[in-house]
Amino acid sequence: MKFAFFLTLALPISALSLSACASKGSYPSLNPRPIEAQAAGLLTEPDAKSPVQAASDPAIVARIDAAVRSAQASEGDFSSALAAAKSAVATAGPMGSESWISGQMAVSALDKARGPVKTALAELDALLRQVLSGAPSEDQARVETAIRSVGEIDARQASAHDALRAAISR
């Protein structure tokens, strides 16, 4: 009990005694000095200039267009494989039966039909890395737009494939 009382008094007393340790004297003002007021304009950031973008590289544009065309052209093959897989999955019997194996093979063929889109995405990704490693150019926006476009195709195909794979795995 005495110890707790001692601590409650000792802390405030020691804080008060230490605060009086500073000697009296004249100290410099913390206000800005005259030279600092003169240099105020020198301490601002320079205006940021937007970098000049290089013109599109025709070779890169051709590769972008080829990748997008390849992905779009493969949609017909995917649609055919999707119809066949839906039919095979709908008629699939119990796990291990011949009809179930046929359904599994149709889902695998559907997965293979997604190959051109995956290849196009890989090509566009490589192009984006190439464009980003060089000087700023108009090609970056073009590649990013193509990636979004092919990515939407891939997402639709992945959704259809995953739904059939889940149905056959019941």
Protein backbone atom coordinates (compact mmCIF):
# COMPACT_ATOMS: atom_id res chain seq x y z
CA MET A 1 0.00 0.00 0.00
CA LYS A 2 2.77 2.38 0.90
CA PHE A 3 4.58 1.49 -2.30
CA ALA A 4 1.59 2.41 -4.49
CA PHE A 5 1.22 5.69 -2.64
CA PHE A 6 4.92 6.37 -3.15
CA LEU A 7 4.62 5.74 -6.93
CA THR A 8 1.64 8.06 -7.28
CA LEU A 9 3.61 10.87 -5.67
CA ALA A 10 7.05 10.08 -7.10
CA LEU A 11 6.11 10.32 -10.75
CA PRO A 12 4.57 13.80 -10.69
CA ILE A 13 7.32 15.14 -8.42
CA SER A 14 10.11 13.80 -10.67
CA ALA A 15 8.43 15.22 -13.76
CA LEU A 16 8.16 18.65 -12.16
CA SER A 17 11.74 18.64 -10.98
CA LEU A 18 13.10 17.65 -14.41
CA SER A 19 11.12 20.34 -16.19
CA ALA A 20 12.96 22.99 -14.23
CA CYS A 21 16.41 21.81 -15.37
CA ALA A 22 16.69 24.11 -18.39
CA SER A 23 18.92 27.08 -17.83
CA LYS A 24 17.75 30.58 -18.45
CA GLY A 25 19.15 32.28 -21.53
CA SER A 26 18.38 33.58 -24.98
CA TYR A 27 17.59 30.98 -27.58
CA PRO A 28 17.13 31.52 -31.33
CA SER A 29 13.60 32.01 -32.57
CA LEU A 30 11.87 29.14 -34.36
CA ASN A 31 10.31 31.57 -36.83
CA PRO A 32 11.47 31.39 -40.48
CA ARG A 33 14.72 33.24 -41.11
CA PRO A 34 14.86 36.01 -43.73
CA ILE A 35 16.88 33.86 -46.14
CA GLU A 36 14.27 31.13 -45.95
CA ALA A 37 11.55 33.61 -46.95
CA GLN A 38 13.60 34.57 -50.03
CA ALA A 39 14.14 30.93 -51.02
CA ALA A 40 10.48 29.95 -50.73
CA GLY A 41 10.04 29.99 -54.52
CA LEU A 42 13.09 27.77 -55.01
CA LEU A 43 11.71 24.97 -52.86
CA THR A 44 8.68 24.16 -55.00
CA GLU A 45 8.50 21.11 -57.27
CA PRO A 46 9.03 21.78 -60.97
CA ASP A 47 6.05 21.38 -63.26
CA ALA A 48 5.67 17.79 -64.37
CA LYS A 49 5.83 17.48 -68.13
CA SER A 50 3.99 14.63 -69.75
CA PRO A 51 6.36 12.34 -71.62
CA VAL A 52 6.17 12.39 -75.38
CA GLN A 53 4.74 9.13 -76.61
CA ALA A 54 6.34 7.39 -79.54
CA ALA A 55 4.22 6.43 -82.51
CA SER A 56 2.84 2.91 -82.75
CA ASP A 57 5.15 0.23 -84.05
CA PRO A 58 3.49 -1.43 -87.08
CA ALA A 59 5.02 -4.81 -86.19
CA ILE A 60 3.53 -4.72 -82.70
CA VAL A 61 0.15 -3.58 -84.04
CA ALA A 62 0.19 -6.52 -86.49
CA ARG A 63 0.98 -8.98 -83.67
CA ILE A 64 -1.81 -7.53 -81.51
CA ASP A 65 -4.33 -7.80 -84.33
CA ALA A 66 -3.22 -11.36 -85.16
CA ALA A 67 -3.65 -12.47 -81.54
CA VAL A 68 -7.12 -10.93 -81.29
CA ARG A 69 -8.20 -12.43 -84.63
CA SER A 70 -6.95 -15.85 -83.56
CA ALA A 71 -8.94 -15.70 -80.33
CA GLN A 72 -12.09 -14.51 -82.10
CA ALA A 73 -11.75 -17.14 -84.85
CA SER A 74 -11.49 -19.92 -82.27
CA GLU A 75 -14.91 -19.10 -80.83
CA GLY A 76 -16.61 -21.12 -83.58
CA ASP A 77 -14.59 -24.23 -82.74
CA PHE A 78 -15.30 -23.71 -79.05
CA SER A 79 -19.04 -23.35 -79.70
CA SER A 80 -19.06 -26.65 -81.63
CA ALA A 81 -17.12 -28.40 -78.88
CA LEU A 82 -19.43 -26.86 -76.27
CA ALA A 83 -22.55 -28.21 -77.99
CA ALA A 84 -21.01 -31.68 -78.21
CA ALA A 85 -19.88 -31.56 -74.57
CA LYS A 86 -23.31 -30.42 -73.35
CA SER A 87 -24.93 -33.32 -75.18
CA ALA A 88 -22.41 -35.84 -73.85
CA VAL A 89 -22.69 -34.54 -70.28
CA ALA A 90 -26.50 -34.57 -70.44
CA THR A 91 -26.52 -38.24 -71.44
CA ALA A 92 -23.72 -39.30 -69.10
CA GLY A 93 -24.54 -42.18 -66.82
CA PRO A 94 -23.08 -42.99 -63.43
CA MET A 95 -19.40 -42.44 -62.75
CA GLY A 96 -17.26 -45.03 -64.49
CA SER A 97 -19.81 -45.95 -67.16
CA GLU A 98 -19.07 -45.70 -70.90
CA SER A 99 -21.36 -42.69 -71.28
CA TRP A 100 -19.65 -40.97 -68.34
CA ILE A 101 -16.25 -41.58 -69.95
CA SER A 102 -17.59 -40.12 -73.21
CA GLY A 103 -18.77 -37.06 -71.29
CA GLN A 104 -15.35 -36.67 -69.66
CA MET A 105 -13.68 -36.91 -73.06
CA ALA A 106 -16.04 -34.26 -74.47
CA VAL A 107 -15.21 -31.92 -71.57
CA SER A 108 -11.51 -32.53 -72.25
CA ALA A 109 -12.04 -31.70 -75.92
CA LEU A 110 -13.78 -28.52 -74.81
CA ASP A 111 -10.76 -27.63 -72.70
CA LYS A 112 -8.52 -28.21 -75.72
CA ALA A 113 -10.73 -25.89 -77.79
CA ARG A 114 -9.83 -23.10 -75.33
CA GLY A 115 -6.16 -23.35 -76.39
CA PRO A 116 -6.12 -20.58 -79.03
CA VAL A 117 -7.57 -18.06 -76.57
CA LYS A 118 -4.99 -18.99 -73.94
CA THR A 119 -2.24 -18.69 -76.56
CA ALA A 120 -3.55 -15.27 -77.62
CA LEU A 121 -3.55 -14.08 -74.00
CA ALA A 122 0.03 -15.30 -73.57
CA GLU A 123 1.10 -13.50 -76.75
CA LEU A 124 -0.59 -10.28 -75.65
CA ASP A 125 1.02 -10.52 -72.23
CA ALA A 126 4.45 -10.87 -73.84
CA LEU A 127 3.69 -7.88 -76.06
CA LEU A 128 2.65 -5.80 -73.05
CA ARG A 129 5.93 -6.61 -71.30
CA GLN A 130 7.82 -5.65 -74.46
CA VAL A 131 5.94 -2.36 -74.79
CA LEU A 132 6.39 -1.50 -71.11
CA SER A 133 10.13 -2.14 -71.26
CA GLY A 134 10.58 0.40 -74.06
CA ALA A 135 9.82 4.08 -74.41
CA PRO A 136 6.22 5.17 -73.75
CA SER A 137 4.12 4.62 -76.85
CA GLU A 138 0.54 4.39 -78.03
CA ASP A 139 0.92 0.61 -78.21
CA GLN A 140 0.41 0.18 -74.46
CA ALA A 141 -3.25 1.24 -74.57
CA ARG A 142 -3.82 -0.88 -77.66
CA VAL A 143 -2.36 -4.00 -76.00
CA GLU A 144 -4.32 -3.41 -72.79
CA THR A 145 -7.57 -3.07 -74.78
CA ALA A 146 -6.80 -6.29 -76.66
CA ILE A 147 -6.06 -8.10 -73.38
CA ARG A 148 -9.43 -7.01 -71.98
CA SER A 149 -11.22 -8.13 -75.16
CA VAL A 150 -9.56 -11.56 -75.28
CA GLY A 151 -9.91 -11.85 -71.49
CA GLU A 152 -13.69 -11.52 -71.84
CA ILE A 153 -13.72 -14.35 -74.38
CA ASP A 154 -11.60 -16.44 -72.02
CA ALA A 155 -13.89 -15.72 -69.07
CA ARG A 156 -16.99 -16.83 -71.03
CA GLN A 157 -15.26 -20.01 -72.17
CA ALA A 158 -13.95 -20.76 -68.69
CA SER A 159 -17.42 -20.32 -67.19
CA ALA A 160 -19.00 -22.74 -69.70
CA HIS A 161 -16.16 -25.26 -69.25
CA ASP A 162 -16.32 -25.12 -65.45
CA ALA A 163 -20.09 -25.60 -65.45
CA LEU A 164 -19.84 -28.74 -67.57
CA ARG A 165 -16.94 -30.09 -65.55
CA ALA A 166 -18.98 -29.64 -62.37
CA ALA A 167 -22.00 -31.32 -63.98
CA ILE A 168 -20.03 -34.38 -65.09
CA SER A 169 -18.36 -34.69 -61.67
CA ARG A 170 -21.66 -35.15 -59.83
